[in-house]
Amino acid sequence: MYFNTQEEIITKIAKSLEKSLILRKKVIKILASIVIGMILAKSTIVSKIAENLKEDFCDGKEESKIKKIKRFFNKKISDDMYMFFIEDVLERFKAEDNKVVIVFDHTTCDERFVILSFMLSIGKRGIPLYYKVYKYNDAKNKSMEDVKEGLRKIKKMLEPYKYEVTVLADRGFDSVELFEYI
């Protein structure tokens, strides 16, 4: 079978990679594009890879392609694998009456680190949808901005499902600013 365009080749490679990689489709497509760019460039130099990728890889000029490739290599793949897991959970989860409860909390572990977590409450269990880990003595370990960031990410995750969301937090989050934000 012959492929006429770079986009068709990338799509075919991406479909093949989806069978063996636990990554989101968007990330797999970027990976497939970079592989094609490396083959065409006969190089692993980012600027040469970018030169060999068509415009449909990235809206913009060569500089934009280079930035996108660099961002891809700087990203933690483990975060993307976790998101793949969460997306799978959310697709399988069937909320009663289309309502979900999100619980968020800080957990301090032996004065070594603090975890900010946002969990989907399912009965007496919680599935962590988003979390952030801090060193115990990090000044940002109770940052309101990080709480807001977590809420934005949770909102984005749940938007496709159009759930009615109830957010629960303990008295450690007794901030008027936070509840106005919610």
C-alpha atoms as a PDB file:
ATOM      1  CA  MET A   1       0.000   0.000   0.000  1.00  0.00           C
ATOM      2  CA  TYR A   2       1.365   3.422  -0.915  1.00  0.00           C
ATOM      3  CA  PHE A   3       0.833   6.572   1.089  1.00  0.00           C
ATOM      4  CA  ASN A   4       0.623   9.874  -0.711  1.00  0.00           C
ATOM      5  CA  THR A   5       1.164  12.398   2.030  1.00  0.00           C
ATOM      6  CA  GLN A   6       3.212  12.836   5.143  1.00  0.00           C
ATOM      7  CA  GLU A   7      -0.049  13.128   7.116  1.00  0.00           C
ATOM      8  CA  GLU A   8      -1.227   9.693   5.892  1.00  0.00           C
ATOM      9  CA  ILE A   9       2.089   8.110   6.882  1.00  0.00           C
ATOM     10  CA  ILE A  10       1.971   9.763  10.314  1.00  0.00           C
ATOM     11  CA  THR A  11      -1.622   8.574  10.830  1.00  0.00           C
ATOM     12  CA  LYS A  12      -0.660   4.986   9.929  1.00  0.00           C
ATOM     13  CA  ILE A  13       2.343   5.025  12.284  1.00  0.00           C
ATOM     14  CA  ALA A  14       0.254   6.587  15.065  1.00  0.00           C
ATOM     15  CA  LYS A  15      -2.409   3.865  14.743  1.00  0.00           C
ATOM     16  CA  SER A  16       0.299   1.241  14.990  1.00  0.00           C
ATOM     17  CA  LEU A  17       1.855   2.912  18.063  1.00  0.00           C
ATOM     18  CA  GLU A  18      -1.558   3.187  19.786  1.00  0.00           C
ATOM     19  CA  LYS A  19      -1.621  -0.608  20.041  1.00  0.00           C
ATOM     20  CA  SER A  20       1.572  -0.741  22.081  1.00  0.00           C
ATOM     21  CA  LEU A  21       1.937   2.586  23.903  1.00  0.00           C
ATOM     22  CA  ILE A  22      -0.077   3.816  26.856  1.00  0.00           C
ATOM     23  CA  LEU A  23      -0.187   7.416  25.718  1.00  0.00           C
ATOM     24  CA  ARG A  24      -2.917   9.767  24.567  1.00  0.00           C
ATOM     25  CA  LYS A  25      -3.594   9.893  20.831  1.00  0.00           C
ATOM     26  CA  LYS A  26      -2.387  13.492  20.579  1.00  0.00           C
ATOM     27  CA  VAL A  27       0.999  12.573  22.087  1.00  0.00           C
ATOM     28  CA  ILE A  28       1.299   9.485  19.893  1.00  0.00           C
ATOM     29  CA  LYS A  29       0.645  11.598  16.800  1.00  0.00           C
ATOM     30  CA  ILE A  30       3.370  14.059  17.811  1.00  0.00           C
ATOM     31  CA  LEU A  31       5.754  11.142  18.428  1.00  0.00           C
ATOM     32  CA  ALA A  32       4.929   9.641  15.017  1.00  0.00           C
ATOM     33  CA  SER A  33       5.515  13.029  13.376  1.00  0.00           C
ATOM     34  CA  ILE A  34       8.890  13.411  15.070  1.00  0.00           C
ATOM     35  CA  VAL A  35       9.902   9.903  13.971  1.00  0.00           C
ATOM     36  CA  ILE A  36       9.007  10.768  10.366  1.00  0.00           C
ATOM     37  CA  GLY A  37      10.916  14.047  10.701  1.00  0.00           C
ATOM     38  CA  MET A  38      13.991  12.158  11.952  1.00  0.00           C
ATOM     39  CA  ILE A  39      13.818   9.670   9.092  1.00  0.00           C
ATOM     40  CA  LEU A  40      13.415  12.370   6.460  1.00  0.00           C
ATOM     41  CA  ALA A  41      16.121  14.561   8.019  1.00  0.00           C
ATOM     42  CA  LYS A  42      18.411  11.588   8.616  1.00  0.00           C
ATOM     43  CA  SER A  43      19.181  13.422  11.837  1.00  0.00           C
ATOM     44  CA  THR A  44      18.124  13.853  15.440  1.00  0.00           C
ATOM     45  CA  ILE A  45      18.866  17.583  15.437  1.00  0.00           C
ATOM     46  CA  VAL A  46      15.624  19.368  16.302  1.00  0.00           C
ATOM     47  CA  SER A  47      15.973  22.114  13.675  1.00  0.00           C
ATOM     48  CA  LYS A  48      16.538  19.524  10.929  1.00  0.00           C
ATOM     49  CA  ILE A  49      13.538  17.481  12.097  1.00  0.00           C
ATOM     50  CA  ALA A  50      11.373  20.624  12.009  1.00  0.00           C
ATOM     51  CA  GLU A  51      12.533  21.479   8.471  1.00  0.00           C
ATOM     52  CA  ASN A  52      11.239  18.131   7.249  1.00  0.00           C
ATOM     53  CA  LEU A  53       7.794  18.302   8.809  1.00  0.00           C
ATOM     54  CA  LYS A  54       4.893  19.707   6.822  1.00  0.00           C
ATOM     55  CA  GLU A  55       2.773  22.620   7.983  1.00  0.00           C
ATOM     56  CA  ASP A  56       0.056  20.327   9.376  1.00  0.00           C
ATOM     57  CA  PHE A  57       2.438  19.327  12.200  1.00  0.00           C
ATOM     58  CA  CYS A  58       2.184  22.799  13.654  1.00  0.00           C
ATOM     59  CA  ASP A  59       0.519  26.050  12.696  1.00  0.00           C
ATOM     60  CA  GLY A  60       3.299  28.528  12.212  1.00  0.00           C
ATOM     61  CA  LYS A  61       6.845  28.724  11.004  1.00  0.00           C
ATOM     62  CA  GLU A  62       9.915  26.594  11.638  1.00  0.00           C
ATOM     63  CA  GLU A  63      10.405  28.268  15.011  1.00  0.00           C
ATOM     64  CA  SER A  64       6.969  27.036  16.154  1.00  0.00           C
ATOM     65  CA  LYS A  65       7.780  23.497  15.015  1.00  0.00           C
ATOM     66  CA  ILE A  66      11.074  23.598  16.916  1.00  0.00           C
ATOM     67  CA  LYS A  67       9.315  24.776  20.093  1.00  0.00           C
ATOM     68  CA  LYS A  68       6.693  22.033  19.790  1.00  0.00           C
ATOM     69  CA  ILE A  69       9.357  19.343  19.376  1.00  0.00           C
ATOM     70  CA  LYS A  70      11.347  20.671  22.345  1.00  0.00           C
ATOM     71  CA  ARG A  71       8.187  20.789  24.513  1.00  0.00           C
ATOM     72  CA  PHE A  72       7.487  17.184  23.577  1.00  0.00           C
ATOM     73  CA  PHE A  73      10.929  16.061  24.723  1.00  0.00           C
ATOM     74  CA  ASN A  74      10.754  18.116  27.920  1.00  0.00           C
ATOM     75  CA  LYS A  75       7.353  16.723  28.902  1.00  0.00           C
ATOM     76  CA  LYS A  76       7.123  13.987  31.470  1.00  0.00           C
ATOM     77  CA  ILE A  77       5.733  10.972  29.646  1.00  0.00           C
ATOM     78  CA  SER A  78       4.658   9.523  33.018  1.00  0.00           C
ATOM     79  CA  ASP A  79       2.178  12.418  33.375  1.00  0.00           C
ATOM     80  CA  ASP A  80       0.711  11.554  30.003  1.00  0.00           C
ATOM     81  CA  MET A  81       0.461   7.864  30.903  1.00  0.00           C
ATOM     82  CA  TYR A  82      -1.396   8.835  34.073  1.00  0.00           C
ATOM     83  CA  MET A  83      -3.811  10.968  32.028  1.00  0.00           C
ATOM     84  CA  PHE A  84      -4.415   7.976  29.751  1.00  0.00           C
ATOM     85  CA  PHE A  85      -5.409   5.966  32.844  1.00  0.00           C
ATOM     86  CA  ILE A  86      -7.680   8.760  34.125  1.00  0.00           C
ATOM     87  CA  GLU A  87      -9.382   9.190  30.744  1.00  0.00           C
ATOM     88  CA  ASP A  88     -10.038   5.439  30.664  1.00  0.00           C
ATOM     89  CA  VAL A  89     -11.547   5.572  34.182  1.00  0.00           C
ATOM     90  CA  LEU A  90     -13.771   8.529  33.292  1.00  0.00           C
ATOM     91  CA  GLU A  91     -14.984   6.874  30.079  1.00  0.00           C
ATOM     92  CA  ARG A  92     -15.998   3.743  32.001  1.00  0.00           C
ATOM     93  CA  PHE A  93     -17.432   5.555  35.011  1.00  0.00           C
ATOM     94  CA  LYS A  94     -21.207   5.940  35.004  1.00  0.00           C
ATOM     95  CA  ALA A  95     -22.357   8.589  37.452  1.00  0.00           C
ATOM     96  CA  GLU A  96     -25.712   8.107  39.122  1.00  0.00           C
ATOM     97  CA  ASP A  97     -28.069  10.921  38.126  1.00  0.00           C
ATOM     98  CA  ASN A  98     -25.124  12.461  36.209  1.00  0.00           C
ATOM     99  CA  LYS A  99     -23.673  13.783  39.505  1.00  0.00           C
ATOM    100  CA  VAL A 100     -20.110  13.430  40.749  1.00  0.00           C
ATOM    101  CA  VAL A 101     -18.308  14.443  43.915  1.00  0.00           C
ATOM    102  CA  ILE A 102     -14.738  15.747  43.788  1.00  0.00           C
ATOM    103  CA  VAL A 103     -12.869  15.827  47.086  1.00  0.00           C
ATOM    104  CA  PHE A 104      -9.672  17.799  47.418  1.00  0.00           C
ATOM    105  CA  ASP A 105      -7.269  17.774  50.314  1.00  0.00           C
ATOM    106  CA  HIS A 106      -3.692  18.212  51.465  1.00  0.00           C
ATOM    107  CA  THR A 107      -1.966  15.204  53.002  1.00  0.00           C
ATOM    108  CA  THR A 108       1.251  15.636  54.986  1.00  0.00           C
ATOM    109  CA  CYS A 109       3.529  12.622  55.147  1.00  0.00           C
ATOM    110  CA  ASP A 110       5.987  12.425  58.061  1.00  0.00           C
ATOM    111  CA  GLU A 111       7.143  16.024  57.637  1.00  0.00           C
ATOM    112  CA  ARG A 112       8.833  14.884  54.409  1.00  0.00           C
ATOM    113  CA  PHE A 113       6.326  15.922  51.761  1.00  0.00           C
ATOM    114  CA  VAL A 114       2.820  17.252  51.179  1.00  0.00           C
ATOM    115  CA  ILE A 115       0.362  16.003  48.546  1.00  0.00           C
ATOM    116  CA  LEU A 116      -2.411  18.140  47.132  1.00  0.00           C
ATOM    117  CA  SER A 117      -4.935  15.752  45.613  1.00  0.00           C
ATOM    118  CA  PHE A 118      -8.265  15.969  43.804  1.00  0.00           C
ATOM    119  CA  MET A 119     -10.221  12.721  43.885  1.00  0.00           C
ATOM    120  CA  LEU A 120     -13.341  11.384  42.241  1.00  0.00           C
ATOM    121  CA  SER A 121     -15.409   9.978  45.088  1.00  0.00           C
ATOM    122  CA  ILE A 122     -16.823   6.541  44.337  1.00  0.00           C
ATOM    123  CA  GLY A 123     -18.607   5.124  47.365  1.00  0.00           C
ATOM    124  CA  LYS A 124     -16.050   4.973  50.170  1.00  0.00           C
ATOM    125  CA  ARG A 125     -13.137   5.226  47.769  1.00  0.00           C
ATOM    126  CA  GLY A 126     -11.407   8.035  45.927  1.00  0.00           C
ATOM    127  CA  ILE A 127      -9.733   7.850  42.546  1.00  0.00           C
ATOM    128  CA  PRO A 128      -7.040  10.545  42.284  1.00  0.00           C
ATOM    129  CA  LEU A 129      -7.684  12.587  39.160  1.00  0.00           C
ATOM    130  CA  TYR A 130      -4.986  15.165  39.779  1.00  0.00           C
ATOM    131  CA  TYR A 131      -2.243  15.556  42.350  1.00  0.00           C
ATOM    132  CA  LYS A 132       0.810  17.634  43.074  1.00  0.00           C
ATOM    133  CA  VAL A 133       3.625  16.669  45.448  1.00  0.00           C
ATOM    134  CA  TYR A 134       5.704  19.225  47.378  1.00  0.00           C
ATOM    135  CA  LYS A 135       8.654  19.046  49.707  1.00  0.00           C
ATOM    136  CA  TYR A 136       7.409  19.489  53.253  1.00  0.00           C
ATOM    137  CA  ASN A 137       9.132  22.814  53.773  1.00  0.00           C
ATOM    138  CA  ASP A 138       8.215  24.216  50.325  1.00  0.00           C
ATOM    139  CA  ALA A 139       6.541  27.605  50.763  1.00  0.00           C
ATOM    140  CA  LYS A 140       4.122  26.729  47.938  1.00  0.00           C
ATOM    141  CA  ASN A 141       2.820  23.537  49.558  1.00  0.00           C
ATOM    142  CA  LYS A 142      -0.434  25.289  50.503  1.00  0.00           C
ATOM    143  CA  SER A 143      -0.569  27.606  47.487  1.00  0.00           C
ATOM    144  CA  MET A 144      -4.038  28.833  46.536  1.00  0.00           C
ATOM    145  CA  GLU A 145      -2.821  29.178  42.936  1.00  0.00           C
ATOM    146  CA  ASP A 146      -2.008  25.459  42.828  1.00  0.00           C
ATOM    147  CA  VAL A 147      -5.467  24.644  44.211  1.00  0.00           C
ATOM    148  CA  LYS A 148      -7.010  26.807  41.477  1.00  0.00           C
ATOM    149  CA  GLU A 149      -4.808  25.100  38.872  1.00  0.00           C
ATOM    150  CA  GLY A 150      -6.046  21.718  40.103  1.00  0.00           C
ATOM    151  CA  LEU A 151      -9.659  22.874  39.910  1.00  0.00           C
ATOM    152  CA  ARG A 152      -9.121  24.116  36.333  1.00  0.00           C
ATOM    153  CA  LYS A 153      -7.622  20.767  35.329  1.00  0.00           C
ATOM    154  CA  ILE A 154     -10.464  18.833  36.958  1.00  0.00           C
ATOM    155  CA  LYS A 155     -13.020  21.046  35.221  1.00  0.00           C
ATOM    156  CA  LYS A 156     -11.349  20.422  31.869  1.00  0.00           C
ATOM    157  CA  MET A 157     -11.255  16.649  32.507  1.00  0.00           C
ATOM    158  CA  LEU A 158     -14.931  16.489  33.418  1.00  0.00           C
ATOM    159  CA  GLU A 159     -16.312  18.917  30.793  1.00  0.00           C
ATOM    160  CA  PRO A 160     -16.889  16.290  28.074  1.00  0.00           C
ATOM    161  CA  TYR A 161     -19.104  14.290  30.449  1.00  0.00           C
ATOM    162  CA  LYS A 162     -21.339  17.235  31.436  1.00  0.00           C
ATOM    163  CA  TYR A 163     -21.581  16.078  35.057  1.00  0.00           C
ATOM    164  CA  GLU A 164     -23.138  18.107  37.825  1.00  0.00           C
ATOM    165  CA  VAL A 165     -20.088  18.471  40.082  1.00  0.00           C
ATOM    166  CA  THR A 166     -20.046  18.889  43.860  1.00  0.00           C
ATOM    167  CA  VAL A 167     -16.698  19.939  45.312  1.00  0.00           C
ATOM    168  CA  LEU A 168     -15.843  18.980  48.900  1.00  0.00           C
ATOM    169  CA  ALA A 169     -12.940  20.222  50.981  1.00  0.00           C
ATOM    170  CA  ASP A 170     -12.115  20.299  54.691  1.00  0.00           C
ATOM    171  CA  ARG A 171     -11.691  23.335  56.935  1.00  0.00           C
ATOM    172  CA  GLY A 172      -8.094  23.757  55.758  1.00  0.00           C
ATOM    173  CA  PHE A 173      -9.561  25.359  52.649  1.00  0.00           C
ATOM    174  CA  ASP A 174     -11.762  27.934  54.400  1.00  0.00           C
ATOM    175  CA  SER A 175     -10.950  30.719  51.952  1.00  0.00           C
ATOM    176  CA  VAL A 176     -13.575  33.134  50.699  1.00  0.00           C
ATOM    177  CA  GLU A 177     -11.357  33.717  47.632  1.00  0.00           C
ATOM    178  CA  LEU A 178     -11.373  30.001  46.858  1.00  0.00           C
ATOM    179  CA  PHE A 179     -15.126  29.569  47.160  1.00  0.00           C
ATOM    180  CA  GLU A 180     -15.730  32.644  45.023  1.00  0.00           C
ATOM    181  CA  TYR A 181     -13.440  31.067  42.464  1.00  0.00           C
ATOM    182  CA  ILE A 182     -15.345  27.779  42.544  1.00  0.00           C
END
